[in-house]
Amino acid sequence: MKLTPWFSGTDIPFRPGAYERDYRPFGGETWYSEWTGTTWLSPARTPLVASKQVTAAFTQGGIRWRGLAKDPKS
């Protein structure tokens, strides 16, 4: 799967969709979260599952992210 470079956790995505988020600096792993255009939704192990989340993520900012080159819903 082709990905964009990492963006700072203070930057926000331009488009809604599933993005990979890097929780490793916080003792975690990389997970995927849906960006609604205003809110990060709960992380998931795959982009497809992330795209179906409906609950806001506990951690909104400060976690770097990168985009997916293809919509996981298609």
PDB file of N, CA and C in Angstrom:
ATOM      1  N   MET A   1       0.846  -1.172   0.000  1.00  0.00           N
ATOM      2  CA  MET A   1       0.000   0.000   0.000  1.00  0.00           C
ATOM      3  C   MET A   1       0.897   1.243   0.000  1.00  0.00           C
ATOM      4  N   LYS A   2       0.668   2.150  -0.933  1.00  0.00           N
ATOM      5  CA  LYS A   2       1.468   3.363  -1.035  1.00  0.00           C
ATOM      6  C   LYS A   2       0.976   4.388  -0.013  1.00  0.00           C
ATOM      7  N   LEU A   3       1.924   5.043   0.673  1.00  0.00           N
ATOM      8  CA  LEU A   3       1.614   6.015   1.716  1.00  0.00           C
ATOM      9  C   LEU A   3       2.332   7.333   1.460  1.00  0.00           C
ATOM     10  N   THR A   4       1.796   8.400   2.018  1.00  0.00           N
ATOM     11  CA  THR A   4       2.447   9.706   1.962  1.00  0.00           C
ATOM     12  C   THR A   4       3.555   9.752   3.013  1.00  0.00           C
ATOM     13  N   PRO A   5       4.381  10.802   3.019  1.00  0.00           N
ATOM     14  CA  PRO A   5       5.331  10.976   4.128  1.00  0.00           C
ATOM     15  C   PRO A   5       4.562  11.248   5.431  1.00  0.00           C
ATOM     16  N   TRP A   6       5.242  11.136   6.570  1.00  0.00           N
ATOM     17  CA  TRP A   6       4.627  11.442   7.864  1.00  0.00           C
ATOM     18  C   TRP A   6       4.411  12.942   7.998  1.00  0.00           C
ATOM     19  N   PHE A   7       3.277  13.327   8.571  1.00  0.00           N
ATOM     20  CA  PHE A   7       2.972  14.722   8.884  1.00  0.00           C
ATOM     21  C   PHE A   7       2.953  14.897  10.395  1.00  0.00           C
ATOM     22  N   SER A   8       3.251  16.081  10.841  1.00  0.00           N
ATOM     23  CA  SER A   8       3.253  16.398  12.266  1.00  0.00           C
ATOM     24  C   SER A   8       1.868  16.179  12.869  1.00  0.00           C
ATOM     25  N   GLY A   9       1.826  15.806  14.125  1.00  0.00           N
ATOM     26  CA  GLY A   9       0.554  15.628  14.817  1.00  0.00           C
ATOM     27  C   GLY A   9      -0.206  16.921  15.022  1.00  0.00           C
ATOM     28  N   THR A  10       0.456  18.060  14.812  1.00  0.00           N
ATOM     29  CA  THR A  10      -0.246  19.340  14.922  1.00  0.00           C
ATOM     30  C   THR A  10      -0.888  19.749  13.602  1.00  0.00           C
ATOM     31  N   ASP A  11      -0.468  19.108  12.506  1.00  0.00           N
ATOM     32  CA  ASP A  11      -1.098  19.333  11.205  1.00  0.00           C
ATOM     33  C   ASP A  11      -2.367  18.476  11.126  1.00  0.00           C
ATOM     34  N   ILE A  12      -3.337  18.940  10.367  1.00  0.00           N
ATOM     35  CA  ILE A  12      -4.546  18.142  10.189  1.00  0.00           C
ATOM     36  C   ILE A  12      -4.710  17.805   8.700  1.00  0.00           C
ATOM     37  N   PRO A  13      -5.279  16.648   8.408  1.00  0.00           N
ATOM     38  CA  PRO A  13      -5.468  16.269   6.999  1.00  0.00           C
ATOM     39  C   PRO A  13      -6.414  17.227   6.277  1.00  0.00           C
ATOM     40  N   PHE A  14      -6.180  17.372   4.993  1.00  0.00           N
ATOM     41  CA  PHE A  14      -7.014  18.227   4.156  1.00  0.00           C
ATOM     42  C   PHE A  14      -8.350  17.565   3.841  1.00  0.00           C
ATOM     43  N   ARG A  15      -8.330  16.252   3.681  1.00  0.00           N
ATOM     44  CA  ARG A  15      -9.543  15.509   3.311  1.00  0.00           C
ATOM     45  C   ARG A  15      -9.921  14.496   4.383  1.00  0.00           C
ATOM     46  N   PRO A  16     -11.222  14.260   4.568  1.00  0.00           N
ATOM     47  CA  PRO A  16     -11.658  13.168   5.447  1.00  0.00           C
ATOM     48  C   PRO A  16     -11.213  11.826   4.875  1.00  0.00           C
ATOM     49  N   GLY A  17     -11.032  10.857   5.746  1.00  0.00           N
ATOM     50  CA  GLY A  17     -10.662   9.516   5.311  1.00  0.00           C
ATOM     51  C   GLY A  17      -9.819   8.807   6.346  1.00  0.00           C
ATOM     52  N   ALA A  18      -9.372   7.597   6.015  1.00  0.00           N
ATOM     53  CA  ALA A  18      -8.549   6.785   6.912  1.00  0.00           C
ATOM     54  C   ALA A  18      -7.085   7.165   6.734  1.00  0.00           C
ATOM     55  N   TYR A  19      -6.387   7.305   7.860  1.00  0.00           N
ATOM     56  CA  TYR A  19      -4.970   7.666   7.880  1.00  0.00           C
ATOM     57  C   TYR A  19      -4.239   6.769   8.865  1.00  0.00           C
ATOM     58  N   GLU A  20      -2.969   6.520   8.587  1.00  0.00           N
ATOM     59  CA  GLU A  20      -2.142   5.786   9.534  1.00  0.00           C
ATOM     60  C   GLU A  20      -1.631   6.775  10.574  1.00  0.00           C
ATOM     61  N   ARG A  21      -1.722   6.409  11.862  1.00  0.00           N
ATOM     62  CA  ARG A  21      -1.232   7.270  12.947  1.00  0.00           C
ATOM     63  C   ARG A  21      -0.156   6.522  13.718  1.00  0.00           C
ATOM     64  N   ASP A  22       0.881   7.247  14.097  1.00  0.00           N
ATOM     65  CA  ASP A  22       2.068   6.648  14.711  1.00  0.00           C
ATOM     66  C   ASP A  22       2.050   6.811  16.230  1.00  0.00           C
ATOM     67  N   TYR A  23       1.624   5.760  16.920  1.00  0.00           N
ATOM     68  CA  TYR A  23       1.571   5.769  18.382  1.00  0.00           C
ATOM     69  C   TYR A  23       2.862   5.246  19.004  1.00  0.00           C
ATOM     70  N   ARG A  24       3.871   4.897  18.204  1.00  0.00           N
ATOM     71  CA  ARG A  24       5.111   4.307  18.724  1.00  0.00           C
ATOM     72  C   ARG A  24       5.827   5.204  19.733  1.00  0.00           C
ATOM     73  N   PRO A  25       5.911   6.525  19.526  1.00  0.00           N
ATOM     74  CA  PRO A  25       6.584   7.356  20.536  1.00  0.00           C
ATOM     75  C   PRO A  25       5.867   7.342  21.895  1.00  0.00           C
ATOM     76  N   PHE A  26       4.639   6.885  21.924  1.00  0.00           N
ATOM     77  CA  PHE A  26       3.844   6.833  23.156  1.00  0.00           C
ATOM     78  C   PHE A  26       3.751   5.412  23.703  1.00  0.00           C
ATOM     79  N   GLY A  27       4.614   4.518  23.203  1.00  0.00           N
ATOM     80  CA  GLY A  27       4.639   3.140  23.684  1.00  0.00           C
ATOM     81  C   GLY A  27       3.700   2.206  22.946  1.00  0.00           C
ATOM     82  N   GLY A  28       3.125   2.675  21.848  1.00  0.00           N
ATOM     83  CA  GLY A  28       2.180   1.850  21.096  1.00  0.00           C
ATOM     84  C   GLY A  28       2.738   1.383  19.772  1.00  0.00           C
ATOM     85  N   GLU A  29       1.862   1.295  18.803  1.00  0.00           N
ATOM     86  CA  GLU A  29       2.196   0.834  17.466  1.00  0.00           C
ATOM     87  C   GLU A  29       1.596   1.809  16.458  1.00  0.00           C
ATOM     88  N   THR A  30       1.732   1.517  15.194  1.00  0.00           N
ATOM     89  CA  THR A  30       1.012   2.308  14.203  1.00  0.00           C
ATOM     90  C   THR A  30      -0.377   1.692  14.030  1.00  0.00           C
ATOM     91  N   TRP A  31      -1.381   2.536  14.027  1.00  0.00           N
ATOM     92  CA  TRP A  31      -2.774   2.133  13.850  1.00  0.00           C
ATOM     93  C   TRP A  31      -3.375   3.049  12.787  1.00  0.00           C
ATOM     94  N   TYR A  32      -4.604   2.780  12.410  1.00  0.00           N
ATOM     95  CA  TYR A  32      -5.310   3.599  11.430  1.00  0.00           C
ATOM     96  C   TYR A  32      -6.488   4.278  12.105  1.00  0.00           C
ATOM     97  N   SER A  33      -6.707   5.548  11.741  1.00  0.00           N
ATOM     98  CA  SER A  33      -7.843   6.300  12.273  1.00  0.00           C
ATOM     99  C   SER A  33      -8.534   7.038  11.145  1.00  0.00           C
ATOM    100  N   GLU A  34      -9.824   7.168  11.271  1.00  0.00           N
ATOM    101  CA  GLU A  34     -10.623   7.947  10.321  1.00  0.00           C
ATOM    102  C   GLU A  34     -10.615   9.406  10.765  1.00  0.00           C
ATOM    103  N   TRP A  35     -10.326  10.307   9.832  1.00  0.00           N
ATOM    104  CA  TRP A  35     -10.413  11.746  10.062  1.00  0.00           C
ATOM    105  C   TRP A  35     -11.723  12.206   9.433  1.00  0.00           C
ATOM    106  N   THR A  36     -12.627  12.791  10.234  1.00  0.00           N
ATOM    107  CA  THR A  36     -13.937  13.186   9.732  1.00  0.00           C
ATOM    108  C   THR A  36     -13.935  14.545   9.044  1.00  0.00           C
ATOM    109  N   GLY A  37     -12.850  15.270   9.184  1.00  0.00           N
ATOM    110  CA  GLY A  37     -12.784  16.653   8.730  1.00  0.00           C
ATOM    111  C   GLY A  37     -12.706  17.588   9.926  1.00  0.00           C
ATOM    112  N   THR A  38     -13.084  17.073  11.095  1.00  0.00           N
ATOM    113  CA  THR A  38     -12.998  17.844  12.339  1.00  0.00           C
ATOM    114  C   THR A  38     -12.489  17.019  13.514  1.00  0.00           C
ATOM    115  N   THR A  39     -12.592  15.689  13.437  1.00  0.00           N
ATOM    116  CA  THR A  39     -12.288  14.816  14.563  1.00  0.00           C
ATOM    117  C   THR A  39     -11.621  13.523  14.101  1.00  0.00           C
ATOM    118  N   TRP A  40     -10.646  13.050  14.900  1.00  0.00           N
ATOM    119  CA  TRP A  40     -10.101  11.717  14.697  1.00  0.00           C
ATOM    120  C   TRP A  40     -11.019  10.728  15.386  1.00  0.00           C
ATOM    121  N   LEU A  41     -11.340   9.624  14.710  1.00  0.00           N
ATOM    122  CA  LEU A  41     -12.148   8.574  15.316  1.00  0.00           C
ATOM    123  C   LEU A  41     -11.243   7.484  15.880  1.00  0.00           C
ATOM    124  N   SER A  42     -11.818   6.597  16.683  1.00  0.00           N
ATOM    125  CA  SER A  42     -11.055   5.561  17.382  1.00  0.00           C
ATOM    126  C   SER A  42     -10.158   4.785  16.432  1.00  0.00           C
ATOM    127  N   PRO A  43      -8.937   4.463  16.871  1.00  0.00           N
ATOM    128  CA  PRO A  43      -8.010   3.734  16.016  1.00  0.00           C
ATOM    129  C   PRO A  43      -8.424   2.278  15.820  1.00  0.00           C
ATOM    130  N   ALA A  44      -7.929   1.719  14.727  1.00  0.00           N
ATOM    131  CA  ALA A  44      -8.210   0.320  14.383  1.00  0.00           C
ATOM    132  C   ALA A  44      -6.967  -0.279  13.735  1.00  0.00           C
ATOM    133  N   ARG A  45      -6.928  -1.593  13.644  1.00  0.00           N
ATOM    134  CA  ARG A  45      -5.768  -2.299  13.096  1.00  0.00           C
ATOM    135  C   ARG A  45      -5.663  -2.193  11.582  1.00  0.00           C
ATOM    136  N   THR A  46      -6.772  -1.946  10.880  1.00  0.00           N
ATOM    137  CA  THR A  46      -6.731  -1.857   9.418  1.00  0.00           C
ATOM    138  C   THR A  46      -7.434  -0.582   8.964  1.00  0.00           C
ATOM    139  N   PRO A  47      -7.098  -0.083   7.781  1.00  0.00           N
ATOM    140  CA  PRO A  47      -7.781   1.102   7.264  1.00  0.00           C
ATOM    141  C   PRO A  47      -9.277   0.875   7.059  1.00  0.00           C
ATOM    142  N   LEU A  48      -9.650  -0.321   6.621  1.00  0.00           N
ATOM    143  CA  LEU A  48     -11.063  -0.606   6.378  1.00  0.00           C
ATOM    144  C   LEU A  48     -11.868  -0.534   7.676  1.00  0.00           C
ATOM    145  N   VAL A  49     -11.370  -1.147   8.735  1.00  0.00           N
ATOM    146  CA  VAL A  49     -12.071  -1.095  10.026  1.00  0.00           C
ATOM    147  C   VAL A  49     -12.087   0.343  10.548  1.00  0.00           C
ATOM    148  N   ALA A  50     -10.986   1.067  10.398  1.00  0.00           N
ATOM    149  CA  ALA A  50     -10.937   2.466  10.838  1.00  0.00           C
ATOM    150  C   ALA A  50     -11.991   3.306  10.123  1.00  0.00           C
ATOM    151  N   SER A  51     -12.204   3.022   8.847  1.00  0.00           N
ATOM    152  CA  SER A  51     -13.169   3.809   8.067  1.00  0.00           C
ATOM    153  C   SER A  51     -14.612   3.594   8.527  1.00  0.00           C
ATOM    154  N   LYS A  52     -14.838   2.564   9.358  1.00  0.00           N
ATOM    155  CA  LYS A  52     -16.189   2.267   9.844  1.00  0.00           C
ATOM    156  C   LYS A  52     -16.404   2.676  11.299  1.00  0.00           C
ATOM    157  N   GLN A  53     -15.385   3.268  11.933  1.00  0.00           N
ATOM    158  CA  GLN A  53     -15.511   3.686  13.330  1.00  0.00           C
ATOM    159  C   GLN A  53     -16.475   4.867  13.443  1.00  0.00           C
ATOM    160  N   VAL A  54     -17.107   5.001  14.621  1.00  0.00           N
ATOM    161  CA  VAL A  54     -18.038   6.106  14.849  1.00  0.00           C
ATOM    162  C   VAL A  54     -17.742   6.868  16.141  1.00  0.00           C
ATOM    163  N   THR A  55     -16.836   6.354  16.978  1.00  0.00           N
ATOM    164  CA  THR A  55     -16.524   6.969  18.264  1.00  0.00           C
ATOM    165  C   THR A  55     -15.266   7.818  18.158  1.00  0.00           C
ATOM    166  N   ALA A  56     -15.289   9.006  18.768  1.00  0.00           N
ATOM    167  CA  ALA A  56     -14.122   9.880  18.750  1.00  0.00           C
ATOM    168  C   ALA A  56     -12.954   9.228  19.482  1.00  0.00           C
ATOM    169  N   ALA A  57     -11.752   9.433  18.968  1.00  0.00           N
ATOM    170  CA  ALA A  57     -10.541   8.903  19.600  1.00  0.00           C
ATOM    171  C   ALA A  57     -10.259   9.642  20.888  1.00  0.00           C
ATOM    172  N   PHE A  58      -9.711   8.931  21.862  1.00  0.00           N
ATOM    173  CA  PHE A  58      -9.341   9.534  23.139  1.00  0.00           C
ATOM    174  C   PHE A  58      -8.261  10.590  22.923  1.00  0.00           C
ATOM    175  N   THR A  59      -7.265  10.287  22.073  1.00  0.00           N
ATOM    176  CA  THR A  59      -6.183  11.219  21.769  1.00  0.00           C
ATOM    177  C   THR A  59      -6.433  11.830  20.395  1.00  0.00           C
ATOM    178  N   GLN A  60      -6.627  13.131  20.365  1.00  0.00           N
ATOM    179  CA  GLN A  60      -6.915  13.800  19.098  1.00  0.00           C
ATOM    180  C   GLN A  60      -5.661  14.335  18.410  1.00  0.00           C
ATOM    181  N   GLY A  61      -4.830  15.069  19.110  1.00  0.00           N
ATOM    182  CA  GLY A  61      -3.686  15.721  18.481  1.00  0.00           C
ATOM    183  C   GLY A  61      -2.366  15.188  18.980  1.00  0.00           C
ATOM    184  N   GLY A  62      -1.290  15.658  18.359  1.00  0.00           N
ATOM    185  CA  GLY A  62       0.045  15.300  18.790  1.00  0.00           C
ATOM    186  C   GLY A  62       0.565  13.982  18.257  1.00  0.00           C
ATOM    187  N   ILE A  63      -0.218  13.255  17.502  1.00  0.00           N
ATOM    188  CA  ILE A  63       0.210  11.970  16.952  1.00  0.00           C
ATOM    189  C   ILE A  63       0.402  12.138  15.450  1.00  0.00           C
ATOM    190  N   ARG A  64       1.633  11.906  15.011  1.00  0.00           N
ATOM    191  CA  ARG A  64       1.869  12.123  13.580  1.00  0.00           C
ATOM    192  C   ARG A  64       1.081  11.114  12.756  1.00  0.00           C
ATOM    193  N   TRP A  65       0.843  11.470  11.508  1.00  0.00           N
ATOM    194  CA  TRP A  65      -0.014  10.665  10.641  1.00  0.00           C
ATOM    195  C   TRP A  65       0.510  10.727   9.214  1.00  0.00           C
ATOM    196  N   ARG A  66       0.068   9.764   8.430  1.00  0.00           N
ATOM    197  CA  ARG A  66       0.350   9.799   6.990  1.00  0.00           C
ATOM    198  C   ARG A  66      -0.853   9.233   6.263  1.00  0.00           C
ATOM    199  N   GLY A  67      -0.992   9.672   5.025  1.00  0.00           N
ATOM    200  CA  GLY A  67      -2.158   9.309   4.236  1.00  0.00           C
ATOM    201  C   GLY A  67      -1.974   8.040   3.435  1.00  0.00           C
ATOM    202  N   LEU A  68      -3.092   7.477   3.057  1.00  0.00           N
ATOM    203  CA  LEU A  68      -3.125   6.308   2.195  1.00  0.00           C
ATOM    204  C   LEU A  68      -3.341   6.768   0.769  1.00  0.00           C
ATOM    205  N   ALA A  69      -2.717   6.118  -0.161  1.00  0.00           N
ATOM    206  CA  ALA A  69      -2.844   6.510  -1.549  1.00  0.00           C
ATOM    207  C   ALA A  69      -4.161   6.027  -2.175  1.00  0.00           C
ATOM    208  N   LYS A  70      -4.854   5.095  -1.500  1.00  0.00           N
ATOM    209  CA  LYS A  70      -6.097   4.539  -2.041  1.00  0.00           C
ATOM    210  C   LYS A  70      -7.155   4.501  -0.944  1.00  0.00           C
ATOM    211  N   ASP A  71      -8.379   4.789  -1.297  1.00  0.00           N
ATOM    212  CA  ASP A  71      -9.495   4.743  -0.363  1.00  0.00           C
ATOM    213  C   ASP A  71      -9.721   3.297   0.075  1.00  0.00           C
ATOM    214  N   PRO A  72      -9.667   2.997   1.400  1.00  0.00           N
ATOM    215  CA  PRO A  72      -9.837   1.606   1.845  1.00  0.00           C
ATOM    216  C   PRO A  72     -11.243   1.079   1.639  1.00  0.00           C
ATOM    217  N   LYS A  73     -12.219   1.951   1.389  1.00  0.00           N
ATOM    218  CA  LYS A  73     -13.609   1.516   1.199  1.00  0.00           C
ATOM    219  C   LYS A  73     -13.828   0.949  -0.202  1.00  0.00           C
ATOM    220  N   SER A  74     -12.879   1.222  -1.114  1.00  0.00           N
ATOM    221  CA  SER A  74     -13.086   0.758  -2.497  1.00  0.00           C
ATOM    222  C   SER A  74     -12.333  -0.514  -2.779  1.00  0.00           C
TER     223      SER A  74
END
